[in-house]
Amino acid sequence: KLVPASCPDCGGPLWEIDEEVPRFRCHTGHAYTARH
């Protein structure tokens, strides 16, 4: 699902990936844990 935050690297939209440990990814492929 789309989240109300932007990718810190490119400024693009972020999606939260539904997994046991929350992860986030933008449309260009930057990926983050919640902490990162």
PDB file of all heavy atoms in Angstrom:
ATOM      1  N   LYS A   1       0.825  -1.208   0.000  1.00  0.00           N
ATOM      2  CA  LYS A   1       0.000   0.000   0.000  1.00  0.00           C
ATOM      3  C   LYS A   1       0.862   1.261   0.000  1.00  0.00           C
ATOM      4  O   LYS A   1       1.921   1.315   0.629  1.00  0.00           O
ATOM      5  CB  LYS A   1      -0.955   0.005   1.187  1.00  0.00           C
ATOM      6  CG  LYS A   1      -0.280   0.060   2.531  1.00  0.00           C
ATOM      7  CD  LYS A   1      -1.276   0.048   3.675  1.00  0.00           C
ATOM      8  CE  LYS A   1      -0.473   0.058   4.967  1.00  0.00           C
ATOM      9  NZ  LYS A   1      -1.227  -0.170   6.131  1.00  0.00           N
ATOM     10  N   LEU A   2       0.388   2.264  -0.696  1.00  0.00           N
ATOM     11  CA  LEU A   2       1.055   3.555  -0.758  1.00  0.00           C
ATOM     12  C   LEU A   2       1.029   4.200   0.621  1.00  0.00           C
ATOM     13  O   LEU A   2       0.023   4.145   1.319  1.00  0.00           O
ATOM     14  CB  LEU A   2       0.337   4.447  -1.773  1.00  0.00           C
ATOM     15  CG  LEU A   2       0.992   5.747  -2.174  1.00  0.00           C
ATOM     16  CD1 LEU A   2       2.327   5.494  -2.858  1.00  0.00           C
ATOM     17  CD2 LEU A   2       0.080   6.519  -3.122  1.00  0.00           C
ATOM     18  N   VAL A   3       2.163   4.775   1.037  1.00  0.00           N
ATOM     19  CA  VAL A   3       2.235   5.428   2.341  1.00  0.00           C
ATOM     20  C   VAL A   3       2.473   6.926   2.153  1.00  0.00           C
ATOM     21  O   VAL A   3       3.005   7.344   1.128  1.00  0.00           O
ATOM     22  CB  VAL A   3       3.338   4.809   3.241  1.00  0.00           C
ATOM     23  CG1 VAL A   3       3.013   3.372   3.577  1.00  0.00           C
ATOM     24  CG2 VAL A   3       4.695   4.908   2.601  1.00  0.00           C
ATOM     25  N   PRO A   4       2.083   7.738   3.135  1.00  0.00           N
ATOM     26  CA  PRO A   4       2.230   9.197   3.011  1.00  0.00           C
ATOM     27  C   PRO A   4       3.645   9.673   3.345  1.00  0.00           C
ATOM     28  O   PRO A   4       3.858  10.438   4.280  1.00  0.00           O
ATOM     29  CB  PRO A   4       1.196   9.743   3.998  1.00  0.00           C
ATOM     30  CG  PRO A   4       1.136   8.699   5.062  1.00  0.00           C
ATOM     31  CD  PRO A   4       1.340   7.383   4.337  1.00  0.00           C
ATOM     32  N   ALA A   5       4.613   9.173   2.599  1.00  0.00           N
ATOM     33  CA  ALA A   5       6.008   9.576   2.778  1.00  0.00           C
ATOM     34  C   ALA A   5       6.696   9.444   1.426  1.00  0.00           C
ATOM     35  O   ALA A   5       6.225   8.717   0.550  1.00  0.00           O
ATOM     36  CB  ALA A   5       6.699   8.696   3.815  1.00  0.00           C
ATOM     37  N   SER A   6       7.809  10.149   1.279  1.00  0.00           N
ATOM     38  CA  SER A   6       8.573  10.104   0.038  1.00  0.00           C
ATOM     39  C   SER A   6       9.887   9.377   0.259  1.00  0.00           C
ATOM     40  O   SER A   6      10.449   9.389   1.352  1.00  0.00           O
ATOM     41  CB  SER A   6       8.881  11.526  -0.440  1.00  0.00           C
ATOM     42  OG  SER A   6       7.702  12.223  -0.694  1.00  0.00           O
ATOM     43  N   CYS A   7      10.402   8.789  -0.799  1.00  0.00           N
ATOM     44  CA  CYS A   7      11.684   8.108  -0.751  1.00  0.00           C
ATOM     45  C   CYS A   7      12.776   9.126  -0.421  1.00  0.00           C
ATOM     46  O   CYS A   7      12.890  10.152  -1.096  1.00  0.00           O
ATOM     47  CB  CYS A   7      11.970   7.448  -2.099  1.00  0.00           C
ATOM     48  SG  CYS A   7      13.601   6.683  -2.195  1.00  0.00           S
ATOM     49  N   PRO A   8      13.578   8.874   0.604  1.00  0.00           N
ATOM     50  CA  PRO A   8      14.642   9.819   0.963  1.00  0.00           C
ATOM     51  C   PRO A   8      15.711   9.961  -0.123  1.00  0.00           C
ATOM     52  O   PRO A   8      16.379  10.977  -0.206  1.00  0.00           O
ATOM     53  CB  PRO A   8      15.257   9.230   2.230  1.00  0.00           C
ATOM     54  CG  PRO A   8      14.390   8.133   2.666  1.00  0.00           C
ATOM     55  CD  PRO A   8      13.507   7.758   1.527  1.00  0.00           C
ATOM     56  N   ASP A   9      15.864   8.942  -0.968  1.00  0.00           N
ATOM     57  CA  ASP A   9      16.896   8.988  -2.000  1.00  0.00           C
ATOM     58  C   ASP A   9      16.445   9.701  -3.271  1.00  0.00           C
ATOM     59  O   ASP A   9      17.216  10.455  -3.857  1.00  0.00           O
ATOM     60  CB  ASP A   9      17.373   7.578  -2.350  1.00  0.00           C
ATOM     61  CG  ASP A   9      18.226   6.979  -1.250  1.00  0.00           C
ATOM     62  OD1 ASP A   9      19.067   7.704  -0.690  1.00  0.00           O
ATOM     63  OD2 ASP A   9      18.044   5.793  -0.947  1.00  0.00           O
ATOM     64  N   CYS A  10      15.218   9.452  -3.708  1.00  0.00           N
ATOM     65  CA  CYS A  10      14.792  10.017  -4.994  1.00  0.00           C
ATOM     66  C   CYS A  10      13.564  10.913  -4.896  1.00  0.00           C
ATOM     67  O   CYS A  10      13.212  11.581  -5.863  1.00  0.00           O
ATOM     68  CB  CYS A  10      14.552   8.912  -6.013  1.00  0.00           C
ATOM     69  SG  CYS A  10      13.109   7.878  -5.674  1.00  0.00           S
ATOM     70  N   GLY A  11      12.897  10.919  -3.752  1.00  0.00           N
ATOM     71  CA  GLY A  11      11.713  11.758  -3.585  1.00  0.00           C
ATOM     72  C   GLY A  11      10.440  11.148  -4.147  1.00  0.00           C
ATOM     73  O   GLY A  11       9.387  11.771  -4.107  1.00  0.00           O
ATOM     74  N   GLY A  12      10.532   9.950  -4.658  1.00  0.00           N
ATOM     75  CA  GLY A  12       9.360   9.285  -5.231  1.00  0.00           C
ATOM     76  C   GLY A  12       8.439   8.725  -4.161  1.00  0.00           C
ATOM     77  O   GLY A  12       8.779   8.691  -2.978  1.00  0.00           O
ATOM     78  N   PRO A  13       7.260   8.250  -4.585  1.00  0.00           N
ATOM     79  CA  PRO A  13       6.313   7.676  -3.628  1.00  0.00           C
ATOM     80  C   PRO A  13       6.834   6.359  -3.054  1.00  0.00           C
ATOM     81  O   PRO A  13       7.639   5.677  -3.680  1.00  0.00           O
ATOM     82  CB  PRO A  13       5.054   7.441  -4.472  1.00  0.00           C
ATOM     83  CG  PRO A  13       5.532   7.367  -5.880  1.00  0.00           C
ATOM     84  CD  PRO A  13       6.761   8.218  -5.960  1.00  0.00           C
ATOM     85  N   LEU A  14       6.367   6.041  -1.857  1.00  0.00           N
ATOM     86  CA  LEU A  14       6.771   4.816  -1.173  1.00  0.00           C
ATOM     87  C   LEU A  14       5.580   3.899  -0.951  1.00  0.00           C
ATOM     88  O   LEU A  14       4.472   4.369  -0.670  1.00  0.00           O
ATOM     89  CB  LEU A  14       7.383   5.126   0.199  1.00  0.00           C
ATOM     90  CG  LEU A  14       8.797   5.669   0.246  1.00  0.00           C
ATOM     91  CD1 LEU A  14       9.159   6.038   1.683  1.00  0.00           C
ATOM     92  CD2 LEU A  14       9.786   4.662  -0.303  1.00  0.00           C
ATOM     93  N   TRP A  15       5.848   2.608  -1.048  1.00  0.00           N
ATOM     94  CA  TRP A  15       4.853   1.604  -0.731  1.00  0.00           C
ATOM     95  C   TRP A  15       5.360   0.766   0.421  1.00  0.00           C
ATOM     96  O   TRP A  15       6.557   0.456   0.498  1.00  0.00           O
ATOM     97  CB  TRP A  15       4.609   0.693  -1.945  1.00  0.00           C
ATOM     98  CG  TRP A  15       3.763   1.320  -2.988  1.00  0.00           C
ATOM     99  CD1 TRP A  15       2.410   1.187  -3.142  1.00  0.00           C
ATOM    100  CD2 TRP A  15       4.191   2.195  -4.033  1.00  0.00           C
ATOM    101  NE1 TRP A  15       1.985   1.935  -4.213  1.00  0.00           N
ATOM    102  CE2 TRP A  15       3.050   2.563  -4.781  1.00  0.00           C
ATOM    103  CE3 TRP A  15       5.419   2.730  -4.410  1.00  0.00           C
ATOM    104  CZ2 TRP A  15       3.098   3.408  -5.874  1.00  0.00           C
ATOM    105  CZ3 TRP A  15       5.482   3.579  -5.499  1.00  0.00           C
ATOM    106  CH2 TRP A  15       4.329   3.904  -6.219  1.00  0.00           C
ATOM    107  N   GLU A  16       4.455   0.413   1.329  1.00  0.00           N
ATOM    108  CA  GLU A  16       4.804  -0.487   2.425  1.00  0.00           C
ATOM    109  C   GLU A  16       4.521  -1.901   1.961  1.00  0.00           C
ATOM    110  O   GLU A  16       3.414  -2.217   1.508  1.00  0.00           O
ATOM    111  CB  GLU A  16       3.991  -0.179   3.678  1.00  0.00           C
ATOM    112  CG  GLU A  16       4.379  -1.039   4.860  1.00  0.00           C
ATOM    113  CD  GLU A  16       3.687  -0.641   6.152  1.00  0.00           C
ATOM    114  OE1 GLU A  16       2.951   0.368   6.160  1.00  0.00           O
ATOM    115  OE2 GLU A  16       3.894  -1.337   7.148  1.00  0.00           O
ATOM    116  N   ILE A  17       5.522  -2.734   2.057  1.00  0.00           N
ATOM    117  CA  ILE A  17       5.397  -4.116   1.621  1.00  0.00           C
ATOM    118  C   ILE A  17       4.855  -4.928   2.778  1.00  0.00           C
ATOM    119  O   ILE A  17       5.377  -4.887   3.894  1.00  0.00           O
ATOM    120  CB  ILE A  17       6.762  -4.666   1.158  1.00  0.00           C
ATOM    121  CG1 ILE A  17       7.275  -3.819  -0.009  1.00  0.00           C
ATOM    122  CG2 ILE A  17       6.656  -6.130   0.774  1.00  0.00           C
ATOM    123  CD1 ILE A  17       8.702  -4.097  -0.392  1.00  0.00           C
ATOM    124  N   ASP A  18       3.772  -5.639   2.511  1.00  0.00           N
ATOM    125  CA  ASP A  18       3.118  -6.459   3.537  1.00  0.00           C
ATOM    126  C   ASP A  18       3.947  -7.701   3.830  1.00  0.00           C
ATOM    127  O   ASP A  18       3.908  -8.685   3.100  1.00  0.00           O
ATOM    128  CB  ASP A  18       1.726  -6.893   3.058  1.00  0.00           C
ATOM    129  CG  ASP A  18       0.643  -6.026   3.636  1.00  0.00           C
ATOM    130  OD1 ASP A  18       0.893  -5.352   4.638  1.00  0.00           O
ATOM    131  OD2 ASP A  18      -0.468  -6.041   3.076  1.00  0.00           O
ATOM    132  N   GLU A  19       4.711  -7.635   4.884  1.00  0.00           N
ATOM    133  CA  GLU A  19       5.501  -8.767   5.354  1.00  0.00           C
ATOM    134  C   GLU A  19       5.557  -8.702   6.864  1.00  0.00           C
ATOM    135  O   GLU A  19       5.138  -7.722   7.469  1.00  0.00           O
ATOM    136  CB  GLU A  19       6.909  -8.737   4.749  1.00  0.00           C
ATOM    137  CG  GLU A  19       6.925  -8.965   3.247  1.00  0.00           C
ATOM    138  CD  GLU A  19       8.323  -8.978   2.668  1.00  0.00           C
ATOM    139  OE1 GLU A  19       9.273  -8.614   3.384  1.00  0.00           O
ATOM    140  OE2 GLU A  19       8.445  -9.340   1.490  1.00  0.00           O
ATOM    141  N   GLU A  20       6.122  -9.730   7.477  1.00  0.00           N
ATOM    142  CA  GLU A  20       6.217  -9.762   8.932  1.00  0.00           C
ATOM    143  C   GLU A  20       7.008  -8.562   9.464  1.00  0.00           C
ATOM    144  O   GLU A  20       6.610  -7.929  10.435  1.00  0.00           O
ATOM    145  CB  GLU A  20       6.885 -11.066   9.370  1.00  0.00           C
ATOM    146  CG  GLU A  20       6.819 -11.285  10.864  1.00  0.00           C
ATOM    147  CD  GLU A  20       7.350 -12.647  11.266  1.00  0.00           C
ATOM    148  OE1 GLU A  20       7.024 -13.630  10.575  1.00  0.00           O
ATOM    149  OE2 GLU A  20       8.083 -12.702  12.265  1.00  0.00           O
ATOM    150  N   VAL A  21       8.128  -8.258   8.818  1.00  0.00           N
ATOM    151  CA  VAL A  21       8.928  -7.086   9.168  1.00  0.00           C
ATOM    152  C   VAL A  21       8.593  -6.004   8.148  1.00  0.00           C
ATOM    153  O   VAL A  21       8.791  -6.208   6.949  1.00  0.00           O
ATOM    154  CB  VAL A  21      10.444  -7.409   9.129  1.00  0.00           C
ATOM    155  CG1 VAL A  21      11.260  -6.163   9.400  1.00  0.00           C
ATOM    156  CG2 VAL A  21      10.781  -8.505  10.120  1.00  0.00           C
ATOM    157  N   PRO A  22       8.062  -4.864   8.594  1.00  0.00           N
ATOM    158  CA  PRO A  22       7.683  -3.816   7.635  1.00  0.00           C
ATOM    159  C   PRO A  22       8.877  -3.354   6.801  1.00  0.00           C
ATOM    160  O   PRO A  22       9.958  -3.099   7.326  1.00  0.00           O
ATOM    161  CB  PRO A  22       7.183  -2.667   8.515  1.00  0.00           C
ATOM    162  CG  PRO A  22       6.892  -3.283   9.836  1.00  0.00           C
ATOM    163  CD  PRO A  22       7.801  -4.467   9.964  1.00  0.00           C
ATOM    164  N   ARG A  23       8.658  -3.301   5.492  1.00  0.00           N
ATOM    165  CA  ARG A  23       9.656  -2.783   4.569  1.00  0.00           C
ATOM    166  C   ARG A  23       8.966  -1.797   3.639  1.00  0.00           C
ATOM    167  O   ARG A  23       7.751  -1.856   3.435  1.00  0.00           O
ATOM    168  CB  ARG A  23      10.298  -3.914   3.751  1.00  0.00           C
ATOM    169  CG  ARG A  23      11.150  -4.822   4.569  1.00  0.00           C
ATOM    170  CD  ARG A  23      11.936  -5.842   3.743  1.00  0.00           C
ATOM    171  NE  ARG A  23      11.116  -6.533   2.763  1.00  0.00           N
ATOM    172  CZ  ARG A  23      11.377  -6.588   1.447  1.00  0.00           C
ATOM    173  NH1 ARG A  23      12.432  -5.981   0.956  1.00  0.00           N
ATOM    174  NH2 ARG A  23      10.591  -7.244   0.634  1.00  0.00           N
ATOM    175  N   PHE A  24       9.767  -0.917   3.077  1.00  0.00           N
ATOM    176  CA  PHE A  24       9.242   0.115   2.197  1.00  0.00           C
ATOM    177  C   PHE A  24      10.072   0.132   0.926  1.00  0.00           C
ATOM    178  O   PHE A  24      11.277  -0.105   0.964  1.00  0.00           O
ATOM    179  CB  PHE A  24       9.311   1.482   2.890  1.00  0.00           C
ATOM    180  CG  PHE A  24       8.527   1.512   4.174  1.00  0.00           C
ATOM    181  CD1 PHE A  24       9.108   1.074   5.356  1.00  0.00           C
ATOM    182  CD2 PHE A  24       7.220   1.950   4.190  1.00  0.00           C
ATOM    183  CE1 PHE A  24       8.393   1.087   6.542  1.00  0.00           C
ATOM    184  CE2 PHE A  24       6.492   1.962   5.368  1.00  0.00           C
ATOM    185  CZ  PHE A  24       7.079   1.521   6.548  1.00  0.00           C
ATOM    186  N   ARG A  25       9.417   0.427  -0.186  1.00  0.00           N
ATOM    187  CA  ARG A  25      10.119   0.466  -1.466  1.00  0.00           C
ATOM    188  C   ARG A  25       9.486   1.537  -2.347  1.00  0.00           C
ATOM    189  O   ARG A  25       8.279   1.733  -2.336  1.00  0.00           O
ATOM    190  CB  ARG A  25      10.033  -0.896  -2.145  1.00  0.00           C
ATOM    191  CG  ARG A  25      10.745  -0.935  -3.477  1.00  0.00           C
ATOM    192  CD  ARG A  25      10.846  -2.327  -3.990  1.00  0.00           C
ATOM    193  NE  ARG A  25      12.126  -2.850  -3.524  1.00  0.00           N
ATOM    194  CZ  ARG A  25      12.473  -4.113  -3.587  1.00  0.00           C
ATOM    195  NH1 ARG A  25      11.640  -4.997  -4.067  1.00  0.00           N
ATOM    196  NH2 ARG A  25      13.650  -4.504  -3.181  1.00  0.00           N
ATOM    197  N   CYS A  26      10.340   2.227  -3.104  1.00  0.00           N
ATOM    198  CA  CYS A  26       9.824   3.206  -4.058  1.00  0.00           C
ATOM    199  C   CYS A  26       9.755   2.572  -5.442  1.00  0.00           C
ATOM    200  O   CYS A  26      10.225   1.449  -5.651  1.00  0.00           O
ATOM    201  CB  CYS A  26      10.695   4.464  -4.074  1.00  0.00           C
ATOM    202  SG  CYS A  26      12.294   4.245  -4.881  1.00  0.00           S
ATOM    203  N   HIS A  27       9.201   3.296  -6.392  1.00  0.00           N
ATOM    204  CA  HIS A  27       9.017   2.729  -7.730  1.00  0.00           C
ATOM    205  C   HIS A  27      10.326   2.552  -8.497  1.00  0.00           C
ATOM    206  O   HIS A  27      10.361   1.829  -9.487  1.00  0.00           O
ATOM    207  CB  HIS A  27       8.029   3.576  -8.542  1.00  0.00           C
ATOM    208  CG  HIS A  27       8.560   4.914  -8.942  1.00  0.00           C
ATOM    209  ND1 HIS A  27       8.629   5.968  -8.056  1.00  0.00           N
ATOM    210  CD2 HIS A  27       9.059   5.357 -10.111  1.00  0.00           C
ATOM    211  CE1 HIS A  27       9.143   7.009  -8.694  1.00  0.00           C
ATOM    212  NE2 HIS A  27       9.414   6.664  -9.930  1.00  0.00           N
ATOM    213  N   THR A  28      11.419   3.192  -8.033  1.00  0.00           N
ATOM    214  CA  THR A  28      12.701   3.004  -8.716  1.00  0.00           C
ATOM    215  C   THR A  28      13.507   1.849  -8.122  1.00  0.00           C
ATOM    216  O   THR A  28      14.521   1.461  -8.685  1.00  0.00           O
ATOM    217  CB  THR A  28      13.562   4.280  -8.693  1.00  0.00           C
ATOM    218  OG1 THR A  28      13.853   4.621  -7.341  1.00  0.00           O
ATOM    219  CG2 THR A  28      12.862   5.437  -9.387  1.00  0.00           C
ATOM    220  N   GLY A  29      13.048   1.333  -6.974  1.00  0.00           N
ATOM    221  CA  GLY A  29      13.708   0.179  -6.376  1.00  0.00           C
ATOM    222  C   GLY A  29      14.429   0.426  -5.075  1.00  0.00           C
ATOM    223  O   GLY A  29      14.956  -0.514  -4.477  1.00  0.00           O
ATOM    224  N   HIS A  30      14.506   1.687  -4.595  1.00  0.00           N
ATOM    225  CA  HIS A  30      15.108   1.926  -3.284  1.00  0.00           C
ATOM    226  C   HIS A  30      14.265   1.208  -2.234  1.00  0.00           C
ATOM    227  O   HIS A  30      13.041   1.302  -2.258  1.00  0.00           O
ATOM    228  CB  HIS A  30      15.168   3.420  -2.967  1.00  0.00           C
ATOM    229  CG  HIS A  30      16.010   4.187  -3.927  1.00  0.00           C
ATOM    230  ND1 HIS A  30      15.497   5.195  -4.709  1.00  0.00           N
ATOM    231  CD2 HIS A  30      17.328   4.095  -4.233  1.00  0.00           C
ATOM    232  CE1 HIS A  30      16.471   5.695  -5.456  1.00  0.00           C
ATOM    233  NE2 HIS A  30      17.596   5.042  -5.189  1.00  0.00           N
ATOM    234  N   ALA A  31      14.922   0.488  -1.328  1.00  0.00           N
ATOM    235  CA  ALA A  31      14.205  -0.294  -0.321  1.00  0.00           C
ATOM    236  C   ALA A  31      14.745   0.011   1.074  1.00  0.00           C
ATOM    237  O   ALA A  31      15.937   0.264   1.244  1.00  0.00           O
ATOM    238  CB  ALA A  31      14.345  -1.783  -0.626  1.00  0.00           C
ATOM    239  N   TYR A  32      13.846  -0.022   2.050  1.00  0.00           N
ATOM    240  CA  TYR A  32      14.193   0.339   3.429  1.00  0.00           C
ATOM    241  C   TYR A  32      13.436  -0.521   4.422  1.00  0.00           C
ATOM    242  O   TYR A  32      12.281  -0.872   4.202  1.00  0.00           O
ATOM    243  CB  TYR A  32      13.789   1.795   3.735  1.00  0.00           C
ATOM    244  CG  TYR A  32      14.286   2.794   2.750  1.00  0.00           C
ATOM    245  CD1 TYR A  32      13.516   3.135   1.639  1.00  0.00           C
ATOM    246  CD2 TYR A  32      15.527   3.396   2.908  1.00  0.00           C
ATOM    247  CE1 TYR A  32      13.971   4.057   0.718  1.00  0.00           C
ATOM    248  CE2 TYR A  32      15.986   4.316   1.994  1.00  0.00           C
ATOM    249  CZ  TYR A  32      15.210   4.640   0.893  1.00  0.00           C
ATOM    250  OH  TYR A  32      15.666   5.537  -0.018  1.00  0.00           O
ATOM    251  N   THR A  33      14.079  -0.777   5.548  1.00  0.00           N
ATOM    252  CA  THR A  33      13.337  -1.246   6.718  1.00  0.00           C
ATOM    253  C   THR A  33      12.726   0.014   7.334  1.00  0.00           C
ATOM    254  O   THR A  33      13.098   1.136   6.966  1.00  0.00           O
ATOM    255  CB  THR A  33      14.272  -1.917   7.741  1.00  0.00           C
ATOM    256  OG1 THR A  33      15.208  -0.928   8.206  1.00  0.00           O
ATOM    257  CG2 THR A  33      14.995  -3.111   7.154  1.00  0.00           C
ATOM    258  N   ALA A  34      11.838  -0.149   8.282  1.00  0.00           N
ATOM    259  CA  ALA A  34      11.228   1.022   8.928  1.00  0.00           C
ATOM    260  C   ALA A  34      12.308   1.880   9.593  1.00  0.00           C
ATOM    261  O   ALA A  34      12.288   3.111   9.493  1.00  0.00           O
ATOM    262  CB  ALA A  34      10.192   0.576   9.949  1.00  0.00           C
ATOM    263  N   ARG A  35      13.275   1.255  10.249  1.00  0.00           N
ATOM    264  CA  ARG A  35      14.345   1.998  10.929  1.00  0.00           C
ATOM    265  C   ARG A  35      15.201   2.772   9.929  1.00  0.00           C
ATOM    266  O   ARG A  35      15.511   3.945  10.130  1.00  0.00           O
ATOM    267  CB  ARG A  35      15.214   1.038  11.733  1.00  0.00           C
ATOM    268  CG  ARG A  35      16.297   1.746  12.522  1.00  0.00           C
ATOM    269  CD  ARG A  35      16.992   0.768  13.481  1.00  0.00           C
ATOM    270  NE  ARG A  35      17.923   1.476  14.324  1.00  0.00           N
ATOM    271  CZ  ARG A  35      19.233   1.483  14.131  1.00  0.00           C
ATOM    272  NH1 ARG A  35      19.759   0.814  13.128  1.00  0.00           N
ATOM    273  NH2 ARG A  35      20.021   2.148  14.948  1.00  0.00           N
ATOM    274  N   HIS A  36      15.573   2.128   8.833  1.00  0.00           N
ATOM    275  CA  HIS A  36      16.401   2.802   7.836  1.00  0.00           C
ATOM    276  C   HIS A  36      15.640   3.906   7.108  1.00  0.00           C
ATOM    277  O   HIS A  36      16.228   4.919   6.722  1.00  0.00           O
ATOM    278  CB  HIS A  36      16.989   1.784   6.849  1.00  0.00           C
ATOM    279  CG  HIS A  36      18.084   0.971   7.462  1.00  0.00           C
ATOM    280  ND1 HIS A  36      17.902  -0.321   7.854  1.00  0.00           N
ATOM    281  CD2 HIS A  36      19.363   1.290   7.784  1.00  0.00           C
ATOM    282  CE1 HIS A  36      19.025  -0.777   8.382  1.00  0.00           C
ATOM    283  NE2 HIS A  36      19.922   0.184   8.366  1.00  0.00           N
TER     284      HIS A  36
END
